[in-house]
């Protein structure tokens, strides 16, 4: 069963970006009504090529390019295996929804630390404003004196270093850990190929023909290993780990691999959410380093130190002057 969000976005027309879940639901319904794939995709608002396969760069996928590549792979696999396209799309739709939910959860977890990084970059400027509000002479000191220029230059340099440091931390936390099709989508494609009656080796080979070259490499190696009844010990990665146990049972005992593949999807979804929460927590702690080493010193240079100097310079210290005794002058002798 496909999962939907509680708030349904507006359905886009042809050539517009629409919610992928709604678009796939329309396509599956049209296919199950008996329409050919090319006609079904056209009515759903997705342009197709001469084979009747949707275009990966169609405007309908602009909001989620990963979903577009997944749909193209599903259509290609259905053509290679002869499996009804509606069934393949139903499996891929669930996998795409899982991947999209995991990415949305990661974005929600990282929203707080990312916003904190944006706000903290303005901390030195806030220091200048506070200093000017407390004592306008501090602003004049920063603008008109060489000492103020040096303070502004140091604060600007520290602010640039802190902002650059924070930007790198945020990008490292939000960077995708894998390329190519998401692992749940590949698992759904392999499950569809096995459900079409193909053996393990052929299912892996047909799936490899349908996906991108980066994802196809491990699948072809696994297909070659299973064709000779062996294994591929040199292969590593989330995709290989998720496929190893279900396909080994299917190869050795003829057990259906679908249950194991779906369990692997659930495990990957849980791990993705856990990794997102951990990354958000670690990012919040790591942002304290550029804050303490760069932005707070910049705040002190641009706000606190000018205020102190302005107060000292503007203080009236005349009452503290005392006459000094000139020891070189002769004291007049008293009159007898």
C-alpha atoms as a PDB file:
ATOM      1  CA  UNK A   1       0.000   0.000   0.000  1.00  0.00           C
ATOM      2  CA  UNK A   2       1.315   3.414  -0.936  1.00  0.00           C
ATOM      3  CA  UNK A   3       1.709   5.932   1.825  1.00  0.00           C
ATOM      4  CA  UNK A   4       0.500   9.467   1.406  1.00  0.00           C
ATOM      5  CA  UNK A   5       1.109  12.597   3.404  1.00  0.00           C
ATOM      6  CA  UNK A   6      -1.704  14.168   5.345  1.00  0.00           C
ATOM      7  CA  UNK A   7      -1.652  17.317   3.188  1.00  0.00           C
ATOM      8  CA  UNK A   8      -2.258  16.606  -0.483  1.00  0.00           C
ATOM      9  CA  UNK A   9      -0.622  19.165  -2.758  1.00  0.00           C
ATOM     10  CA  UNK A  10      -2.340  20.535  -5.774  1.00  0.00           C
ATOM     11  CA  UNK A  11      -2.271  18.323  -8.817  1.00  0.00           C
ATOM     12  CA  UNK A  12      -0.188  19.768 -11.623  1.00  0.00           C
ATOM     13  CA  UNK A  13      -1.254  19.811 -15.218  1.00  0.00           C
ATOM     14  CA  UNK A  14       0.755  18.621 -18.218  1.00  0.00           C
ATOM     15  CA  UNK A  15       4.216  20.111 -18.270  1.00  0.00           C
ATOM     16  CA  UNK A  16       3.987  21.196 -14.632  1.00  0.00           C
ATOM     17  CA  UNK A  17       5.598  19.735 -11.543  1.00  0.00           C
ATOM     18  CA  UNK A  18       3.076  17.550  -9.688  1.00  0.00           C
ATOM     19  CA  UNK A  19       3.184  15.393  -6.593  1.00  0.00           C
ATOM     20  CA  UNK A  20       4.883  12.152  -7.616  1.00  0.00           C
ATOM     21  CA  UNK A  21       2.583   9.960  -5.535  1.00  0.00           C
ATOM     22  CA  UNK A  22      -0.519  11.424  -7.203  1.00  0.00           C
ATOM     23  CA  UNK A  23       1.053  11.128 -10.638  1.00  0.00           C
ATOM     24  CA  UNK A  24       2.003   7.483 -10.133  1.00  0.00           C
ATOM     25  CA  UNK A  25      -1.442   6.737  -8.730  1.00  0.00           C
ATOM     26  CA  UNK A  26      -2.988   8.165 -11.905  1.00  0.00           C
ATOM     27  CA  UNK A  27      -0.619   6.179 -14.112  1.00  0.00           C
ATOM     28  CA  UNK A  28      -1.282   2.908 -12.248  1.00  0.00           C
ATOM     29  CA  UNK A  29      -5.039   3.436 -12.451  1.00  0.00           C
ATOM     30  CA  UNK A  30      -4.859   4.145 -16.189  1.00  0.00           C
ATOM     31  CA  UNK A  31      -2.674   1.099 -16.791  1.00  0.00           C
ATOM     32  CA  UNK A  32      -5.002  -1.160 -14.807  1.00  0.00           C
ATOM     33  CA  UNK A  33      -7.902   0.091 -16.921  1.00  0.00           C
ATOM     34  CA  UNK A  34      -6.254  -1.527 -19.935  1.00  0.00           C
ATOM     35  CA  UNK A  35      -4.623   1.456 -21.638  1.00  0.00           C
ATOM     36  CA  UNK A  36      -1.219   0.966 -23.262  1.00  0.00           C
ATOM     37  CA  UNK A  37       1.714   2.542 -21.365  1.00  0.00           C
ATOM     38  CA  UNK A  38       2.306   5.365 -23.841  1.00  0.00           C
ATOM     39  CA  UNK A  39      -1.347   6.437 -23.723  1.00  0.00           C
ATOM     40  CA  UNK A  40      -1.487   6.124 -19.923  1.00  0.00           C
ATOM     41  CA  UNK A  41       1.570   8.306 -19.402  1.00  0.00           C
ATOM     42  CA  UNK A  42       0.299  10.897 -21.866  1.00  0.00           C
ATOM     43  CA  UNK A  43      -3.027  11.161 -20.038  1.00  0.00           C
ATOM     44  CA  UNK A  44      -1.118  11.437 -16.743  1.00  0.00           C
ATOM     45  CA  UNK A  45       0.775  14.418 -18.139  1.00  0.00           C
ATOM     46  CA  UNK A  46       4.209  12.823 -18.656  1.00  0.00           C
ATOM     47  CA  UNK A  47       5.890  12.935 -22.109  1.00  0.00           C
ATOM     48  CA  UNK A  48       7.289   9.667 -23.432  1.00  0.00           C
ATOM     49  CA  UNK A  49       9.869   8.596 -26.000  1.00  0.00           C
ATOM     50  CA  UNK A  50       9.292   6.396 -29.042  1.00  0.00           C
ATOM     51  CA  UNK A  51       9.307   3.257 -26.848  1.00  0.00           C
ATOM     52  CA  UNK A  52       6.552   4.618 -24.619  1.00  0.00           C
ATOM     53  CA  UNK A  53       8.952   5.124 -21.684  1.00  0.00           C
ATOM     54  CA  UNK A  54       8.613   8.402 -19.727  1.00  0.00           C
ATOM     55  CA  UNK A  55      11.390  10.926 -20.171  1.00  0.00           C
ATOM     56  CA  UNK A  56      13.668  11.212 -17.142  1.00  0.00           C
ATOM     57  CA  UNK A  57      14.026  14.968 -17.691  1.00  0.00           C
ATOM     58  CA  UNK A  58      10.270  15.589 -17.985  1.00  0.00           C
ATOM     59  CA  UNK A  59       8.951  18.637 -16.092  1.00  0.00           C
ATOM     60  CA  UNK A  60       6.730  16.342 -14.030  1.00  0.00           C
ATOM     61  CA  UNK A  61       9.837  15.070 -12.199  1.00  0.00           C
ATOM     62  CA  UNK A  62      11.379  18.497 -11.576  1.00  0.00           C
ATOM     63  CA  UNK A  63      10.421  18.366  -7.916  1.00  0.00           C
ATOM     64  CA  UNK A  64      11.900  14.878  -7.420  1.00  0.00           C
ATOM     65  CA  UNK A  65      14.418  13.809 -10.094  1.00  0.00           C
ATOM     66  CA  UNK A  66      15.120  10.579  -8.203  1.00  0.00           C
ATOM     67  CA  UNK A  67      11.505   9.542  -8.677  1.00  0.00           C
ATOM     68  CA  UNK A  68      11.798  10.225 -12.410  1.00  0.00           C
ATOM     69  CA  UNK A  69      14.850   7.978 -12.742  1.00  0.00           C
ATOM     70  CA  UNK A  70      13.101   5.309 -10.685  1.00  0.00           C
ATOM     71  CA  UNK A  71      10.029   5.369 -12.936  1.00  0.00           C
ATOM     72  CA  UNK A  72      12.173   5.120 -16.057  1.00  0.00           C
ATOM     73  CA  UNK A  73      13.977   2.107 -14.580  1.00  0.00           C
ATOM     74  CA  UNK A  74      10.652   0.494 -13.689  1.00  0.00           C
ATOM     75  CA  UNK A  75       9.301   0.961 -17.224  1.00  0.00           C
ATOM     76  CA  UNK A  76      12.501  -0.418 -18.751  1.00  0.00           C
ATOM     77  CA  UNK A  77      12.413  -3.454 -16.447  1.00  0.00           C
ATOM     78  CA  UNK A  78       8.758  -4.131 -17.316  1.00  0.00           C
ATOM     79  CA  UNK A  79       9.654  -4.121 -21.004  1.00  0.00           C
ATOM     80  CA  UNK A  80      12.548  -6.542 -20.420  1.00  0.00           C
ATOM     81  CA  UNK A  81      10.645  -8.990 -18.193  1.00  0.00           C
ATOM     82  CA  UNK A  82       7.142  -8.801 -19.650  1.00  0.00           C
ATOM     83  CA  UNK A  83       5.697  -8.097 -16.200  1.00  0.00           C
ATOM     84  CA  UNK A  84       2.634  -5.797 -16.123  1.00  0.00           C
ATOM     85  CA  UNK A  85       3.888  -2.247 -15.687  1.00  0.00           C
ATOM     86  CA  UNK A  86       1.231  -1.420 -13.096  1.00  0.00           C
ATOM     87  CA  UNK A  87       2.618  -4.035 -10.700  1.00  0.00           C
ATOM     88  CA  UNK A  88       6.183  -2.833 -11.124  1.00  0.00           C
ATOM     89  CA  UNK A  89       5.118   0.775 -10.593  1.00  0.00           C
ATOM     90  CA  UNK A  90       3.205  -0.166  -7.435  1.00  0.00           C
ATOM     91  CA  UNK A  91       6.384  -1.632  -5.935  1.00  0.00           C
ATOM     92  CA  UNK A  92       8.496   1.319  -7.047  1.00  0.00           C
ATOM     93  CA  UNK A  93       5.921   3.801  -5.761  1.00  0.00           C
ATOM     94  CA  UNK A  94       6.201   2.352  -2.253  1.00  0.00           C
ATOM     95  CA  UNK A  95      10.008   2.410  -2.411  1.00  0.00           C
ATOM     96  CA  UNK A  96      10.060   5.998  -3.704  1.00  0.00           C
ATOM     97  CA  UNK A  97       7.705   7.012  -0.887  1.00  0.00           C
ATOM     98  CA  UNK A  98      10.046   5.422   1.657  1.00  0.00           C
ATOM     99  CA  UNK A  99      13.053   7.215   0.220  1.00  0.00           C
ATOM    100  CA  UNK A 100      11.212  10.533   0.077  1.00  0.00           C
ATOM    101  CA  UNK A 101       9.998  10.161   3.667  1.00  0.00           C
ATOM    102  CA  UNK A 102      13.563   9.431   4.819  1.00  0.00           C
ATOM    103  CA  UNK A 103      14.869  12.525   3.008  1.00  0.00           C
ATOM    104  CA  UNK A 104      12.081  14.664   4.445  1.00  0.00           C
ATOM    105  CA  UNK A 105      12.883  13.395   7.931  1.00  0.00           C
ATOM    106  CA  UNK A 106      16.549  14.252   7.419  1.00  0.00           C
ATOM    107  CA  UNK A 107      15.656  17.757   6.236  1.00  0.00           C
ATOM    108  CA  UNK A 108      13.423  18.267   9.267  1.00  0.00           C
ATOM    109  CA  UNK A 109      16.148  17.087  11.640  1.00  0.00           C
ATOM    110  CA  UNK A 110      18.754  19.400  10.097  1.00  0.00           C
ATOM    111  CA  UNK A 111      16.499  22.448   9.788  1.00  0.00           C
ATOM    112  CA  UNK A 112      17.281  23.681  13.300  1.00  0.00           C
ATOM    113  CA  UNK A 113      21.100  23.487  13.108  1.00  0.00           C
ATOM    114  CA  UNK A 114      21.053  24.953   9.593  1.00  0.00           C
ATOM    115  CA  UNK A 115      18.977  27.939  10.720  1.00  0.00           C
ATOM    116  CA  UNK A 116      21.239  28.425  13.731  1.00  0.00           C
ATOM    117  CA  UNK A 117      24.255  28.586  11.414  1.00  0.00           C
ATOM    118  CA  UNK A 118      22.567  31.263   9.294  1.00  0.00           C
ATOM    119  CA  UNK A 119      21.628  33.408  12.284  1.00  0.00           C
ATOM    120  CA  UNK A 120      24.998  33.160  14.043  1.00  0.00           C
ATOM    121  CA  UNK A 121      26.763  34.626  11.006  1.00  0.00           C
ATOM    122  CA  UNK A 122      25.174  37.990  11.847  1.00  0.00           C
ATOM    123  CA  UNK A 123      26.443  37.988  15.431  1.00  0.00           C
ATOM    124  CA  UNK A 124      29.348  40.464  14.838  1.00  0.00           C
ATOM    125  CA  UNK A 125      27.010  42.910  13.100  1.00  0.00           C
ATOM    126  CA  UNK A 126      24.672  42.665  16.070  1.00  0.00           C
ATOM    127  CA  UNK A 127      27.644  43.551  18.284  1.00  0.00           C
ATOM    128  CA  UNK A 128      28.273  46.722  16.255  1.00  0.00           C
ATOM    129  CA  UNK A 129      24.619  47.718  16.609  1.00  0.00           C
ATOM    130  CA  UNK A 130      24.593  47.139  20.352  1.00  0.00           C
ATOM    131  CA  UNK A 131      27.798  49.130  20.825  1.00  0.00           C
ATOM    132  CA  UNK A 132      26.395  52.040  18.813  1.00  0.00           C
ATOM    133  CA  UNK A 133      23.166  51.952  20.793  1.00  0.00           C
ATOM    134  CA  UNK A 134      24.958  52.036  24.150  1.00  0.00           C
ATOM    135  CA  UNK A 135      27.559  54.640  23.204  1.00  0.00           C
ATOM    136  CA  UNK A 136      27.505  56.346  19.770  1.00  0.00           C
ATOM    137  CA  UNK A 137      31.156  57.169  20.260  1.00  0.00           C
ATOM    138  CA  UNK A 138      31.968  53.496  19.731  1.00  0.00           C
ATOM    139  CA  UNK A 139      30.635  53.708  16.174  1.00  0.00           C
ATOM    140  CA  UNK A 140      32.663  56.815  15.527  1.00  0.00           C
ATOM    141  CA  UNK A 141      35.744  55.065  16.855  1.00  0.00           C
ATOM    142  CA  UNK A 142      35.221  52.184  14.427  1.00  0.00           C
ATOM    143  CA  UNK A 143      34.700  54.468  11.441  1.00  0.00           C
ATOM    144  CA  UNK A 144      37.213  57.263  11.952  1.00  0.00           C
ATOM    145  CA  UNK A 145      40.224  55.859  13.795  1.00  0.00           C
ATOM    146  CA  UNK A 146      42.948  53.438  12.664  1.00  0.00           C
ATOM    147  CA  UNK A 147      42.327  51.394  15.793  1.00  0.00           C
ATOM    148  CA  UNK A 148      38.674  51.036  14.778  1.00  0.00           C
ATOM    149  CA  UNK A 149      39.659  50.003  11.268  1.00  0.00           C
ATOM    150  CA  UNK A 150      41.896  47.317  12.692  1.00  0.00           C
ATOM    151  CA  UNK A 151      39.036  46.067  14.879  1.00  0.00           C
ATOM    152  CA  UNK A 152      36.653  45.989  11.923  1.00  0.00           C
ATOM    153  CA  UNK A 153      39.209  44.167   9.752  1.00  0.00           C
ATOM    154  CA  UNK A 154      39.849  41.545  12.409  1.00  0.00           C
ATOM    155  CA  UNK A 155      36.131  41.082  13.043  1.00  0.00           C
ATOM    156  CA  UNK A 156      35.446  40.766   9.311  1.00  0.00           C
ATOM    157  CA  UNK A 157      38.174  38.163   8.878  1.00  0.00           C
ATOM    158  CA  UNK A 158      36.955  36.127  11.831  1.00  0.00           C
ATOM    159  CA  UNK A 159      33.364  36.349  10.586  1.00  0.00           C
ATOM    160  CA  UNK A 160      34.362  35.097   7.139  1.00  0.00           C
ATOM    161  CA  UNK A 161      36.314  32.206   8.655  1.00  0.00           C
ATOM    162  CA  UNK A 162      33.422  31.278  10.943  1.00  0.00           C
ATOM    163  CA  UNK A 163      30.816  31.485   8.185  1.00  0.00           C
ATOM    164  CA  UNK A 164      32.960  29.383   5.828  1.00  0.00           C
ATOM    165  CA  UNK A 165      33.590  26.827   8.555  1.00  0.00           C
ATOM    166  CA  UNK A 166      29.879  26.592   9.380  1.00  0.00           C
ATOM    167  CA  UNK A 167      28.965  26.272   5.709  1.00  0.00           C
ATOM    168  CA  UNK A 168      31.299  23.330   5.291  1.00  0.00           C
ATOM    169  CA  UNK A 169      29.905  21.641   8.387  1.00  0.00           C
ATOM    170  CA  UNK A 170      26.334  22.040   7.150  1.00  0.00           C
ATOM    171  CA  UNK A 171      27.175  20.779   3.657  1.00  0.00           C
ATOM    172  CA  UNK A 172      28.974  17.756   5.086  1.00  0.00           C
ATOM    173  CA  UNK A 173      25.954  16.915   7.244  1.00  0.00           C
ATOM    174  CA  UNK A 174      23.447  17.306   4.414  1.00  0.00           C
ATOM    175  CA  UNK A 175      25.470  15.625   1.659  1.00  0.00           C
ATOM    176  CA  UNK A 176      23.984  12.451   0.218  1.00  0.00           C
ATOM    177  CA  UNK A 177      25.869   9.343   1.265  1.00  0.00           C
ATOM    178  CA  UNK A 178      25.207   7.463  -1.968  1.00  0.00           C
ATOM    179  CA  UNK A 179      24.769   8.110  -5.671  1.00  0.00           C
ATOM    180  CA  UNK A 180      22.597   6.464  -8.277  1.00  0.00           C
ATOM    181  CA  UNK A 181      19.162   5.061  -7.536  1.00  0.00           C
ATOM    182  CA  UNK A 182      18.187   4.717  -3.870  1.00  0.00           C
ATOM    183  CA  UNK A 183      18.737   1.241  -2.485  1.00  0.00           C
ATOM    184  CA  UNK A 184      15.018   0.692  -1.630  1.00  0.00           C
ATOM    185  CA  UNK A 185      14.099   1.382  -5.256  1.00  0.00           C
ATOM    186  CA  UNK A 186      16.661  -1.146  -6.524  1.00  0.00           C
ATOM    187  CA  UNK A 187      15.356  -3.712  -4.052  1.00  0.00           C
ATOM    188  CA  UNK A 188      11.818  -3.097  -5.324  1.00  0.00           C
ATOM    189  CA  UNK A 189      12.982  -3.611  -8.915  1.00  0.00           C
ATOM    190  CA  UNK A 190      14.716  -6.885  -8.050  1.00  0.00           C
ATOM    191  CA  UNK A 191      11.592  -8.013  -6.185  1.00  0.00           C
ATOM    192  CA  UNK A 192       9.482  -7.222  -9.262  1.00  0.00           C
ATOM    193  CA  UNK A 193      11.828  -9.157 -11.521  1.00  0.00           C
ATOM    194  CA  UNK A 194      11.722 -12.191  -9.206  1.00  0.00           C
ATOM    195  CA  UNK A 195       7.916 -11.955  -9.029  1.00  0.00           C
ATOM    196  CA  UNK A 196       7.856 -12.208 -12.841  1.00  0.00           C
ATOM    197  CA  UNK A 197       9.235 -15.751 -12.522  1.00  0.00           C
ATOM    198  CA  UNK A 198      12.879 -15.073 -13.328  1.00  0.00           C
ATOM    199  CA  UNK A 199      15.662 -16.889 -11.530  1.00  0.00           C
ATOM    200  CA  UNK A 200      17.988 -14.944  -9.250  1.00  0.00           C
ATOM    201  CA  UNK A 201      20.792 -14.461 -11.757  1.00  0.00           C
ATOM    202  CA  UNK A 202      18.491 -13.385 -14.591  1.00  0.00           C
ATOM    203  CA  UNK A 203      16.512 -11.047 -12.310  1.00  0.00           C
ATOM    204  CA  UNK A 204      19.711  -9.309 -11.245  1.00  0.00           C
ATOM    205  CA  UNK A 205      20.916  -9.043 -14.855  1.00  0.00           C
ATOM    206  CA  UNK A 206      17.600  -7.597 -16.092  1.00  0.00           C
ATOM    207  CA  UNK A 207      17.547  -5.098 -13.232  1.00  0.00           C
ATOM    208  CA  UNK A 208      21.109  -4.079 -14.078  1.00  0.00           C
ATOM    209  CA  UNK A 209      20.014  -3.390 -17.665  1.00  0.00           C
ATOM    210  CA  UNK A 210      17.285  -1.060 -16.391  1.00  0.00           C
ATOM    211  CA  UNK A 211      19.200   1.059 -13.871  1.00  0.00           C
ATOM    212  CA  UNK A 212      22.001   3.602 -14.159  1.00  0.00           C
ATOM    213  CA  UNK A 213      25.603   2.414 -14.759  1.00  0.00           C
ATOM    214  CA  UNK A 214      26.713   3.194 -11.215  1.00  0.00           C
ATOM    215  CA  UNK A 215      24.059   0.915  -9.736  1.00  0.00           C
ATOM    216  CA  UNK A 216      24.372  -1.681 -12.492  1.00  0.00           C
ATOM    217  CA  UNK A 217      27.978  -2.621 -11.611  1.00  0.00           C
ATOM    218  CA  UNK A 218      27.276  -4.449  -8.323  1.00  0.00           C
ATOM    219  CA  UNK A 219      24.135  -6.030  -9.786  1.00  0.00           C
ATOM    220  CA  UNK A 220      26.049  -7.506 -12.724  1.00  0.00           C
ATOM    221  CA  UNK A 221      28.738  -8.850 -10.410  1.00  0.00           C
ATOM    222  CA  UNK A 222      26.100 -10.476  -8.211  1.00  0.00           C
ATOM    223  CA  UNK A 223      24.331 -11.886 -11.268  1.00  0.00           C
ATOM    224  CA  UNK A 224      27.561 -13.467 -12.521  1.00  0.00           C
ATOM    225  CA  UNK A 225      28.291 -14.918  -9.073  1.00  0.00           C
ATOM    226  CA  UNK A 226      24.803 -16.427  -8.704  1.00  0.00           C
ATOM    227  CA  UNK A 227      24.901 -17.811 -12.240  1.00  0.00           C
ATOM    228  CA  UNK A 228      27.774 -20.091 -11.195  1.00  0.00           C
ATOM    229  CA  UNK A 229      26.330 -20.821  -7.763  1.00  0.00           C
ATOM    230  CA  UNK A 230      28.940 -18.820  -5.910  1.00  0.00           C
ATOM    231  CA  UNK A 231      29.191 -15.477  -4.178  1.00  0.00           C
ATOM    232  CA  UNK A 232      30.969 -12.189  -4.694  1.00  0.00           C
ATOM    233  CA  UNK A 233      33.016 -11.663  -1.506  1.00  0.00           C
ATOM    234  CA  UNK A 234      34.787  -8.563  -2.834  1.00  0.00           C
ATOM    235  CA  UNK A 235      31.594  -6.532  -3.159  1.00  0.00           C
ATOM    236  CA  UNK A 236      30.575  -4.157  -0.383  1.00  0.00           C
ATOM    237  CA  UNK A 237      27.961  -1.494   0.171  1.00  0.00           C
ATOM    238  CA  UNK A 238      24.372  -1.082   1.382  1.00  0.00           C
ATOM    239  CA  UNK A 239      22.894  -2.556  -1.801  1.00  0.00           C
ATOM    240  CA  UNK A 240      25.036  -5.693  -1.676  1.00  0.00           C
ATOM    241  CA  UNK A 241      24.376  -6.158   2.034  1.00  0.00           C
ATOM    242  CA  UNK A 242      20.607  -5.822   1.536  1.00  0.00           C
ATOM    243  CA  UNK A 243      20.542  -8.322  -1.339  1.00  0.00           C
ATOM    244  CA  UNK A 244      22.944 -10.914   0.062  1.00  0.00           C
ATOM    245  CA  UNK A 245      20.790 -12.822   2.550  1.00  0.00           C
ATOM    246  CA  UNK A 246      17.423 -12.929   0.681  1.00  0.00           C
ATOM    247  CA  UNK A 247      19.045 -13.900  -2.618  1.00  0.00           C
ATOM    248  CA  UNK A 248      21.256 -16.524  -0.967  1.00  0.00           C
ATOM    249  CA  UNK A 249      18.175 -18.215   0.512  1.00  0.00           C
ATOM    250  CA  UNK A 250      16.366 -18.006  -2.823  1.00  0.00           C
ATOM    251  CA  UNK A 251      19.372 -19.462  -4.641  1.00  0.00           C
ATOM    252  CA  UNK A 252      20.057 -22.326  -2.229  1.00  0.00           C
ATOM    253  CA  UNK A 253      16.606 -23.319  -0.970  1.00  0.00           C
ATOM    254  CA  UNK A 254      14.198 -21.728  -3.424  1.00  0.00           C
ATOM    255  CA  UNK A 255      12.705 -19.542  -0.693  1.00  0.00           C
ATOM    256  CA  UNK A 256      10.822 -16.450  -1.868  1.00  0.00           C
ATOM    257  CA  UNK A 257      13.105 -13.431  -1.650  1.00  0.00           C
ATOM    258  CA  UNK A 258      10.315 -10.883  -1.452  1.00  0.00           C
ATOM    259  CA  UNK A 259       9.916 -11.086   2.318  1.00  0.00           C
ATOM    260  CA  UNK A 260      13.624 -10.572   2.900  1.00  0.00           C
ATOM    261  CA  UNK A 261      13.790  -7.704   0.407  1.00  0.00           C
ATOM    262  CA  UNK A 262      10.866  -5.906   2.030  1.00  0.00           C
ATOM    263  CA  UNK A 263      12.412  -6.431   5.467  1.00  0.00           C
ATOM    264  CA  UNK A 264      15.631  -4.915   4.110  1.00  0.00           C
ATOM    265  CA  UNK A 265      13.647  -1.865   2.917  1.00  0.00           C
ATOM    266  CA  UNK A 266      12.208  -1.374   6.401  1.00  0.00           C
ATOM    267  CA  UNK A 267      15.663  -1.723   7.947  1.00  0.00           C
ATOM    268  CA  UNK A 268      17.178   0.791   5.537  1.00  0.00           C
ATOM    269  CA  UNK A 269      14.370   3.255   6.252  1.00  0.00           C
ATOM    270  CA  UNK A 270      14.972   2.916   9.984  1.00  0.00           C
ATOM    271  CA  UNK A 271      18.730   3.342   9.568  1.00  0.00           C
ATOM    272  CA  UNK A 272      18.261   6.427   7.376  1.00  0.00           C
ATOM    273  CA  UNK A 273      16.097   8.100  10.025  1.00  0.00           C
ATOM    274  CA  UNK A 274      18.559   7.171  12.768  1.00  0.00           C
ATOM    275  CA  UNK A 275      21.496   8.520  10.756  1.00  0.00           C
ATOM    276  CA  UNK A 276      19.605  11.763  10.108  1.00  0.00           C
ATOM    277  CA  UNK A 277      18.944  12.249  13.820  1.00  0.00           C
ATOM    278  CA  UNK A 278      22.573  11.521  14.660  1.00  0.00           C
ATOM    279  CA  UNK A 279      23.862  13.913  11.996  1.00  0.00           C
ATOM    280  CA  UNK A 280      21.620  16.686  13.273  1.00  0.00           C
ATOM    281  CA  UNK A 281      22.818  16.157  16.841  1.00  0.00           C
ATOM    282  CA  UNK A 282      26.470  16.088  15.829  1.00  0.00           C
ATOM    283  CA  UNK A 283      26.043  19.195  13.681  1.00  0.00           C
ATOM    284  CA  UNK A 284      24.591  21.125  16.600  1.00  0.00           C
ATOM    285  CA  UNK A 285      27.666  20.313  18.681  1.00  0.00           C
ATOM    286  CA  UNK A 286      30.178  20.974  15.910  1.00  0.00           C
ATOM    287  CA  UNK A 287      28.716  24.403  15.205  1.00  0.00           C
ATOM    288  CA  UNK A 288      29.887  25.422  18.671  1.00  0.00           C
ATOM    289  CA  UNK A 289      33.507  25.319  17.452  1.00  0.00           C
ATOM    290  CA  UNK A 290      33.297  28.127  14.849  1.00  0.00           C
ATOM    291  CA  UNK A 291      31.009  30.003  17.220  1.00  0.00           C
ATOM    292  CA  UNK A 292      33.532  29.922  20.071  1.00  0.00           C
ATOM    293  CA  UNK A 293      36.696  30.326  17.999  1.00  0.00           C
ATOM    294  CA  UNK A 294      35.568  32.795  15.319  1.00  0.00           C
ATOM    295  CA  UNK A 295      32.190  34.454  15.763  1.00  0.00           C
ATOM    296  CA  UNK A 296      32.350  35.269  19.460  1.00  0.00           C
ATOM    297  CA  UNK A 297      35.836  36.849  19.111  1.00  0.00           C
ATOM    298  CA  UNK A 298      34.509  38.782  16.115  1.00  0.00           C
ATOM    299  CA  UNK A 299      31.587  39.953  18.271  1.00  0.00           C
ATOM    300  CA  UNK A 300      34.037  41.115  20.916  1.00  0.00           C
ATOM    301  CA  UNK A 301      36.202  42.950  18.379  1.00  0.00           C
ATOM    302  CA  UNK A 302      33.275  44.665  16.652  1.00  0.00           C
ATOM    303  CA  UNK A 303      31.078  45.369  19.673  1.00  0.00           C
ATOM    304  CA  UNK A 304      32.600  44.925  23.116  1.00  0.00           C
ATOM    305  CA  UNK A 305      36.135  46.270  22.635  1.00  0.00           C
ATOM    306  CA  UNK A 306      35.101  49.480  20.770  1.00  0.00           C
ATOM    307  CA  UNK A 307      32.593  50.188  23.514  1.00  0.00           C
ATOM    308  CA  UNK A 308      35.254  49.809  26.212  1.00  0.00           C
ATOM    309  CA  UNK A 309      37.717  52.015  24.327  1.00  0.00           C
ATOM    310  CA  UNK A 310      35.045  54.668  23.691  1.00  0.00           C
ATOM    311  CA  UNK A 311      34.095  54.743  27.381  1.00  0.00           C
ATOM    312  CA  UNK A 312      37.732  55.072  28.485  1.00  0.00           C
ATOM    313  CA  UNK A 313      38.520  57.796  25.942  1.00  0.00           C
ATOM    314  CA  UNK A 314      35.378  59.744  26.696  1.00  0.00           C
ATOM    315  CA  UNK A 315      35.737  59.577  30.493  1.00  0.00           C
ATOM    316  CA  UNK A 316      36.531  62.837  32.357  1.00  0.00           C
ATOM    317  CA  UNK A 317      39.772  62.149  34.200  1.00  0.00           C
ATOM    318  CA  UNK A 318      40.632  65.817  35.000  1.00  0.00           C
ATOM    319  CA  UNK A 319      39.684  65.513  38.646  1.00  0.00           C
ATOM    320  CA  UNK A 320      42.405  62.982  39.106  1.00  0.00           C
ATOM    321  CA  UNK A 321      45.206  65.480  38.240  1.00  0.00           C
ATOM    322  CA  UNK A 322      47.463  66.376  41.231  1.00  0.00           C
ATOM    323  CA  UNK A 323      50.187  69.031  41.332  1.00  0.00           C
ATOM    324  CA  UNK A 324      53.671  67.706  41.217  1.00  0.00           C
ATOM    325  CA  UNK A 325      56.518  69.027  43.368  1.00  0.00           C
ATOM    326  CA  UNK A 326      59.482  70.501  41.490  1.00  0.00           C
ATOM    327  CA  UNK A 327      62.472  69.357  43.446  1.00  0.00           C
ATOM    328  CA  UNK A 328      64.817  71.552  41.367  1.00  0.00           C
ATOM    329  CA  UNK A 329      63.226  74.831  42.546  1.00  0.00           C
ATOM    330  CA  UNK A 330      64.522  76.464  45.705  1.00  0.00           C
ATOM    331  CA  UNK A 331      62.050  77.048  48.489  1.00  0.00           C
ATOM    332  CA  UNK A 332      62.125  80.696  49.660  1.00  0.00           C
ATOM    333  CA  UNK A 333      63.465  81.171  53.172  1.00  0.00           C
ATOM    334  CA  UNK A 334      61.051  82.517  55.705  1.00  0.00           C
ATOM    335  CA  UNK A 335      61.306  86.170  56.633  1.00  0.00           C
ATOM    336  CA  UNK A 336      62.903  86.648  59.991  1.00  0.00           C
END
